[in-house]
Amino acid sequence: AAKYDYLLKDSLKLKTTFLPKGASLKAARYYYMVRFNNRDEVRKKLLLRGIDTKADDMSDCSGVTEIGLKEEFFLNAQNAVRKNVEIPNNPGLKEADIRYISEQLNSLS
């Protein structure tokens, strides 16, 4: 994840899951999410370039009416669920793989 952070940091249009300042460098991120307004189109382009991604499988809480909050309180959650793309992030990736994935993401942003 730290390599992605470094390689994707200059992409102005790309929103990623950067760690906040002061966060531990030992933090493990099981998922590495990237946000695109045109998520499905981006996923198709990446797949054609040999990068298998996954749509965000998290759910937003706007449908839980029992807590008594209105749907408009959850706009960020709804937005994230529709736009997030999970990119490959596992110990089996080589540095060359991470560089290639980052280059492709930067070219799409």
N, C-alpha and C. Protein backbone atom coordinates (compact mmCIF):
# COMPACT_ATOMS: atom_id res chain seq x y z
N ALA A 1 0.83 -1.20 0.00
CA ALA A 1 0.00 0.00 0.00
C ALA A 1 0.87 1.25 0.00
N ALA A 2 1.97 1.21 0.71
CA ALA A 2 2.85 2.38 0.76
C ALA A 2 3.43 2.67 -0.62
N LYS A 3 3.71 1.63 -1.40
CA LYS A 3 4.22 1.84 -2.77
C LYS A 3 3.14 2.49 -3.63
N TYR A 4 1.90 2.05 -3.50
CA TYR A 4 0.81 2.69 -4.22
C TYR A 4 0.70 4.15 -3.81
N ASP A 5 0.76 4.41 -2.50
CA ASP A 5 0.67 5.79 -2.02
C ASP A 5 1.70 6.67 -2.73
N TYR A 6 2.93 6.17 -2.81
CA TYR A 6 4.00 6.94 -3.43
C TYR A 6 3.78 7.11 -4.93
N LEU A 7 3.42 6.04 -5.61
CA LEU A 7 3.30 6.07 -7.07
C LEU A 7 2.05 6.79 -7.56
N LEU A 8 1.04 6.90 -6.71
CA LEU A 8 -0.22 7.53 -7.12
C LEU A 8 -0.38 8.93 -6.55
N LYS A 9 0.56 9.40 -5.76
CA LYS A 9 0.39 10.67 -5.04
C LYS A 9 0.28 11.88 -5.96
N ASP A 10 0.86 11.85 -7.13
CA ASP A 10 0.85 13.01 -8.02
C ASP A 10 -0.34 13.04 -8.97
N SER A 11 -1.16 12.03 -8.92
CA SER A 11 -2.32 11.98 -9.80
C SER A 11 -3.42 12.85 -9.19
N LEU A 12 -3.61 14.03 -9.76
CA LEU A 12 -4.51 15.02 -9.18
C LEU A 12 -5.97 14.58 -9.17
N LYS A 13 -6.39 13.84 -10.16
CA LYS A 13 -7.80 13.45 -10.25
C LYS A 13 -8.11 12.17 -9.50
N LEU A 14 -7.09 11.46 -9.09
CA LEU A 14 -7.28 10.16 -8.47
C LEU A 14 -7.43 10.29 -6.96
N LYS A 15 -8.49 9.75 -6.42
CA LYS A 15 -8.69 9.76 -4.97
C LYS A 15 -8.38 8.36 -4.46
N THR A 16 -7.45 8.28 -3.52
CA THR A 16 -7.03 6.99 -3.00
C THR A 16 -7.20 6.95 -1.49
N THR A 17 -6.81 5.83 -0.92
CA THR A 17 -6.95 5.61 0.52
C THR A 17 -5.65 5.94 1.24
N PHE A 18 -5.13 7.13 1.04
CA PHE A 18 -3.89 7.52 1.71
C PHE A 18 -4.08 7.50 3.21
N LEU A 19 -3.02 7.13 3.91
CA LEU A 19 -3.04 7.19 5.37
C LEU A 19 -2.88 8.64 5.82
N PRO A 20 -3.54 9.04 6.88
CA PRO A 20 -3.38 10.41 7.37
C PRO A 20 -1.98 10.62 7.95
N LYS A 21 -1.55 11.88 8.00
CA LYS A 21 -0.25 12.19 8.58
C LYS A 21 -0.19 11.67 10.01
N GLY A 22 0.96 11.12 10.36
CA GLY A 22 1.14 10.61 11.71
C GLY A 22 0.70 9.16 11.87
N ALA A 23 0.09 8.59 10.86
CA ALA A 23 -0.34 7.19 10.95
C ALA A 23 0.88 6.28 10.93
N SER A 24 0.78 5.17 11.55
CA SER A 24 1.88 4.23 11.62
C SER A 24 2.22 3.70 10.24
N LEU A 25 3.51 3.65 9.94
CA LEU A 25 3.95 3.08 8.67
C LEU A 25 3.74 1.57 8.65
N LYS A 26 3.47 0.98 9.80
CA LYS A 26 3.25 -0.45 9.88
C LYS A 26 1.78 -0.81 9.69
N ALA A 27 0.96 0.19 9.43
CA ALA A 27 -0.47 -0.08 9.24
C ALA A 27 -0.66 -0.98 8.03
N ALA A 28 -1.48 -1.99 8.17
CA ALA A 28 -1.78 -2.90 7.07
C ALA A 28 -3.13 -2.52 6.48
N ARG A 29 -3.17 -2.43 5.18
CA ARG A 29 -4.43 -2.14 4.51
C ARG A 29 -4.78 -3.33 3.63
N TYR A 30 -5.80 -4.03 4.04
CA TYR A 30 -6.24 -5.22 3.31
C TYR A 30 -6.78 -4.82 1.94
N TYR A 31 -7.49 -3.72 1.89
CA TYR A 31 -8.02 -3.20 0.63
C TYR A 31 -7.24 -1.95 0.23
N TYR A 32 -7.11 -1.73 -1.06
CA TYR A 32 -6.61 -0.45 -1.54
C TYR A 32 -7.68 0.05 -2.51
N MET A 33 -8.36 1.08 -2.10
CA MET A 33 -9.46 1.62 -2.88
C MET A 33 -9.04 2.86 -3.65
N VAL A 34 -9.57 2.95 -4.86
CA VAL A 34 -9.40 4.12 -5.70
C VAL A 34 -10.79 4.53 -6.14
N ARG A 35 -11.04 5.82 -6.18
CA ARG A 35 -12.39 6.29 -6.50
C ARG A 35 -12.42 6.95 -7.88
N PHE A 36 -13.38 6.51 -8.69
CA PHE A 36 -13.59 7.06 -10.03
C PHE A 36 -15.07 7.39 -10.21
N ASN A 37 -15.37 8.50 -10.85
CA ASN A 37 -16.76 8.84 -11.16
C ASN A 37 -17.36 7.84 -12.15
N ASN A 38 -16.53 7.28 -13.01
CA ASN A 38 -16.97 6.33 -14.04
C ASN A 38 -16.40 4.94 -13.74
N ARG A 39 -16.71 4.45 -12.56
CA ARG A 39 -16.11 3.22 -12.05
C ARG A 39 -16.20 2.04 -13.02
N ASP A 40 -17.36 1.77 -13.55
CA ASP A 40 -17.52 0.58 -14.40
C ASP A 40 -16.71 0.68 -15.68
N GLU A 41 -16.65 1.87 -16.25
CA GLU A 41 -15.84 2.09 -17.46
C GLU A 41 -14.35 1.88 -17.15
N VAL A 42 -13.90 2.41 -16.04
CA VAL A 42 -12.50 2.26 -15.63
C VAL A 42 -12.17 0.80 -15.39
N ARG A 43 -13.05 0.08 -14.73
CA ARG A 43 -12.80 -1.35 -14.47
C ARG A 43 -12.64 -2.13 -15.78
N LYS A 44 -13.45 -1.81 -16.78
CA LYS A 44 -13.33 -2.48 -18.08
C LYS A 44 -11.99 -2.17 -18.73
N LYS A 45 -11.58 -0.89 -18.69
CA LYS A 45 -10.30 -0.50 -19.28
C LYS A 45 -9.14 -1.20 -18.59
N LEU A 46 -9.20 -1.27 -17.27
CA LEU A 46 -8.12 -1.92 -16.53
C LEU A 46 -8.08 -3.42 -16.83
N LEU A 47 -9.23 -4.04 -16.95
CA LEU A 47 -9.27 -5.47 -17.26
C LEU A 47 -8.64 -5.74 -18.63
N LEU A 48 -8.90 -4.86 -19.59
CA LEU A 48 -8.28 -5.01 -20.91
C LEU A 48 -6.77 -4.86 -20.85
N ARG A 49 -6.27 -4.24 -19.80
CA ARG A 49 -4.83 -4.05 -19.61
C ARG A 49 -4.27 -5.09 -18.64
N GLY A 50 -5.07 -6.11 -18.33
CA GLY A 50 -4.59 -7.21 -17.50
C GLY A 50 -4.70 -6.99 -16.00
N ILE A 51 -5.50 -6.02 -15.59
CA ILE A 51 -5.65 -5.72 -14.17
C ILE A 51 -7.07 -6.01 -13.74
N ASP A 52 -7.21 -7.04 -12.93
CA ASP A 52 -8.53 -7.43 -12.43
C ASP A 52 -8.83 -6.63 -11.17
N THR A 53 -9.94 -5.92 -11.17
CA THR A 53 -10.33 -5.12 -10.03
C THR A 53 -11.66 -5.61 -9.49
N LYS A 54 -12.11 -4.97 -8.44
CA LYS A 54 -13.37 -5.37 -7.83
C LYS A 54 -14.12 -4.10 -7.44
N ALA A 55 -15.41 -4.10 -7.67
CA ALA A 55 -16.23 -2.99 -7.19
C ALA A 55 -16.29 -3.07 -5.68
N ASP A 56 -16.49 -1.95 -5.05
CA ASP A 56 -16.59 -1.92 -3.58
C ASP A 56 -17.73 -2.82 -3.14
N ASP A 57 -17.47 -3.74 -2.21
CA ASP A 57 -18.52 -4.63 -1.75
C ASP A 57 -19.08 -4.19 -0.39
N MET A 58 -18.71 -3.03 0.03
CA MET A 58 -19.24 -2.49 1.28
C MET A 58 -20.65 -1.94 1.02
N SER A 59 -21.41 -1.82 2.05
CA SER A 59 -22.76 -1.25 1.93
C SER A 59 -22.81 0.04 2.73
N ASP A 60 -23.59 0.99 2.24
CA ASP A 60 -23.77 2.20 3.04
C ASP A 60 -24.95 1.97 3.98
N CYS A 61 -25.02 2.78 4.99
CA CYS A 61 -26.02 2.57 6.03
C CYS A 61 -27.29 3.39 5.81
N SER A 62 -27.44 3.99 4.64
CA SER A 62 -28.61 4.84 4.41
C SER A 62 -29.92 4.06 4.41
N GLY A 63 -29.87 2.78 4.16
CA GLY A 63 -31.09 1.99 4.13
C GLY A 63 -31.53 1.48 5.50
N VAL A 64 -30.75 1.73 6.51
CA VAL A 64 -31.10 1.28 7.86
C VAL A 64 -31.97 2.36 8.50
N THR A 65 -33.24 2.24 8.32
CA THR A 65 -34.16 3.27 8.79
C THR A 65 -34.37 3.23 10.30
N GLU A 66 -34.02 2.13 10.92
CA GLU A 66 -34.23 1.98 12.36
C GLU A 66 -33.44 2.97 13.20
N ILE A 67 -32.35 3.52 12.65
CA ILE A 67 -31.56 4.45 13.45
C ILE A 67 -32.12 5.87 13.43
N GLY A 68 -33.12 6.11 12.60
CA GLY A 68 -33.83 7.38 12.63
C GLY A 68 -33.17 8.54 11.91
N LEU A 69 -32.16 8.27 11.10
CA LEU A 69 -31.51 9.34 10.34
C LEU A 69 -31.99 9.31 8.90
N LYS A 70 -32.02 10.48 8.30
CA LYS A 70 -32.48 10.58 6.91
C LYS A 70 -31.35 10.21 5.95
N GLU A 71 -31.77 9.76 4.78
CA GLU A 71 -30.83 9.30 3.76
C GLU A 71 -29.78 10.35 3.41
N GLU A 72 -30.13 11.63 3.43
CA GLU A 72 -29.18 12.67 3.03
C GLU A 72 -27.98 12.79 3.98
N PHE A 73 -28.06 12.17 5.14
CA PHE A 73 -26.92 12.17 6.06
C PHE A 73 -25.82 11.23 5.59
N PHE A 74 -26.10 10.39 4.60
CA PHE A 74 -25.16 9.35 4.18
C PHE A 74 -24.68 9.53 2.74
N LEU A 75 -24.65 10.75 2.25
CA LEU A 75 -24.26 10.99 0.86
C LEU A 75 -22.84 10.52 0.57
N ASN A 76 -21.91 10.74 1.48
CA ASN A 76 -20.53 10.29 1.25
C ASN A 76 -20.47 8.77 1.17
N ALA A 77 -21.20 8.09 2.02
CA ALA A 77 -21.20 6.63 1.98
C ALA A 77 -21.80 6.12 0.68
N GLN A 78 -22.90 6.72 0.27
CA GLN A 78 -23.54 6.30 -0.98
C GLN A 78 -22.61 6.55 -2.17
N ASN A 79 -21.95 7.68 -2.14
CA ASN A 79 -21.02 8.04 -3.20
C ASN A 79 -19.86 7.04 -3.27
N ALA A 80 -19.30 6.71 -2.13
CA ALA A 80 -18.17 5.79 -2.10
C ALA A 80 -18.54 4.41 -2.63
N VAL A 81 -19.69 3.92 -2.24
CA VAL A 81 -20.12 2.59 -2.68
C VAL A 81 -20.28 2.54 -4.21
N ARG A 82 -20.72 3.63 -4.80
CA ARG A 82 -20.92 3.67 -6.26
C ARG A 82 -19.64 3.92 -7.04
N LYS A 83 -18.62 4.50 -6.40
CA LYS A 83 -17.43 4.93 -7.14
C LYS A 83 -16.14 4.19 -6.80
N ASN A 84 -16.09 3.50 -5.69
CA ASN A 84 -14.84 2.85 -5.26
C ASN A 84 -14.51 1.63 -6.10
N VAL A 85 -13.22 1.49 -6.37
CA VAL A 85 -12.66 0.34 -7.08
C VAL A 85 -11.55 -0.23 -6.21
N GLU A 86 -11.62 -1.51 -5.94
CA GLU A 86 -10.56 -2.17 -5.19
C GLU A 86 -9.53 -2.68 -6.18
N ILE A 87 -8.29 -2.22 -6.01
CA ILE A 87 -7.22 -2.68 -6.89
C ILE A 87 -6.40 -3.76 -6.18
N PRO A 88 -5.68 -4.58 -6.95
CA PRO A 88 -4.90 -5.65 -6.34
C PRO A 88 -3.92 -5.11 -5.29
N ASN A 89 -3.91 -5.73 -4.13
CA ASN A 89 -3.02 -5.32 -3.04
C ASN A 89 -2.80 -6.53 -2.15
N ASN A 90 -1.72 -7.25 -2.43
CA ASN A 90 -1.43 -8.43 -1.64
C ASN A 90 0.07 -8.69 -1.64
N PRO A 91 0.55 -9.47 -0.70
CA PRO A 91 1.99 -9.71 -0.59
C PRO A 91 2.60 -10.42 -1.79
N GLY A 92 1.78 -11.05 -2.62
CA GLY A 92 2.30 -11.75 -3.79
C GLY A 92 2.64 -10.84 -4.96
N LEU A 93 2.24 -9.58 -4.89
CA LEU A 93 2.56 -8.66 -5.98
C LEU A 93 4.03 -8.27 -5.94
N LYS A 94 4.65 -8.25 -7.09
CA LYS A 94 6.02 -7.77 -7.19
C LYS A 94 6.00 -6.25 -7.38
N GLU A 95 7.12 -5.63 -7.12
CA GLU A 95 7.19 -4.18 -7.30
C GLU A 95 6.86 -3.79 -8.74
N ALA A 96 7.28 -4.60 -9.70
CA ALA A 96 6.98 -4.32 -11.10
C ALA A 96 5.46 -4.35 -11.35
N ASP A 97 4.75 -5.24 -10.67
CA ASP A 97 3.29 -5.31 -10.80
C ASP A 97 2.65 -4.04 -10.27
N ILE A 98 3.10 -3.60 -9.10
CA ILE A 98 2.54 -2.39 -8.49
C ILE A 98 2.84 -1.17 -9.36
N ARG A 99 4.03 -1.12 -9.93
CA ARG A 99 4.37 -0.01 -10.83
C ARG A 99 3.47 -0.02 -12.07
N TYR A 100 3.27 -1.19 -12.64
CA TYR A 100 2.41 -1.29 -13.83
C TYR A 100 0.99 -0.86 -13.51
N ILE A 101 0.44 -1.36 -12.43
CA ILE A 101 -0.93 -1.00 -12.04
C ILE A 101 -1.02 0.50 -11.80
N SER A 102 -0.04 1.05 -11.12
CA SER A 102 -0.03 2.50 -10.85
C SER A 102 0.05 3.31 -12.12
N GLU A 103 0.90 2.89 -13.06
CA GLU A 103 1.02 3.59 -14.35
C GLU A 103 -0.33 3.59 -15.07
N GLN A 104 -1.00 2.45 -15.06
CA GLN A 104 -2.28 2.35 -15.76
C GLN A 104 -3.32 3.24 -15.07
N LEU A 105 -3.36 3.25 -13.74
CA LEU A 105 -4.29 4.11 -13.02
C LEU A 105 -4.01 5.58 -13.30
N ASN A 106 -2.74 5.95 -13.28
CA ASN A 106 -2.38 7.34 -13.54
C ASN A 106 -2.76 7.76 -14.96
N SER A 107 -2.67 6.83 -15.89
CA SER A 107 -3.02 7.18 -17.28
C SER A 107 -4.52 7.36 -17.47
N LEU A 108 -5.32 6.77 -16.59
CA LEU A 108 -6.77 6.88 -16.68
C LEU A 108 -7.34 8.09 -15.92
N SER A 109 -6.55 8.62 -15.02
CA SER A 109 -7.09 9.70 -14.16
C SER A 109 -6.99 11.05 -14.84
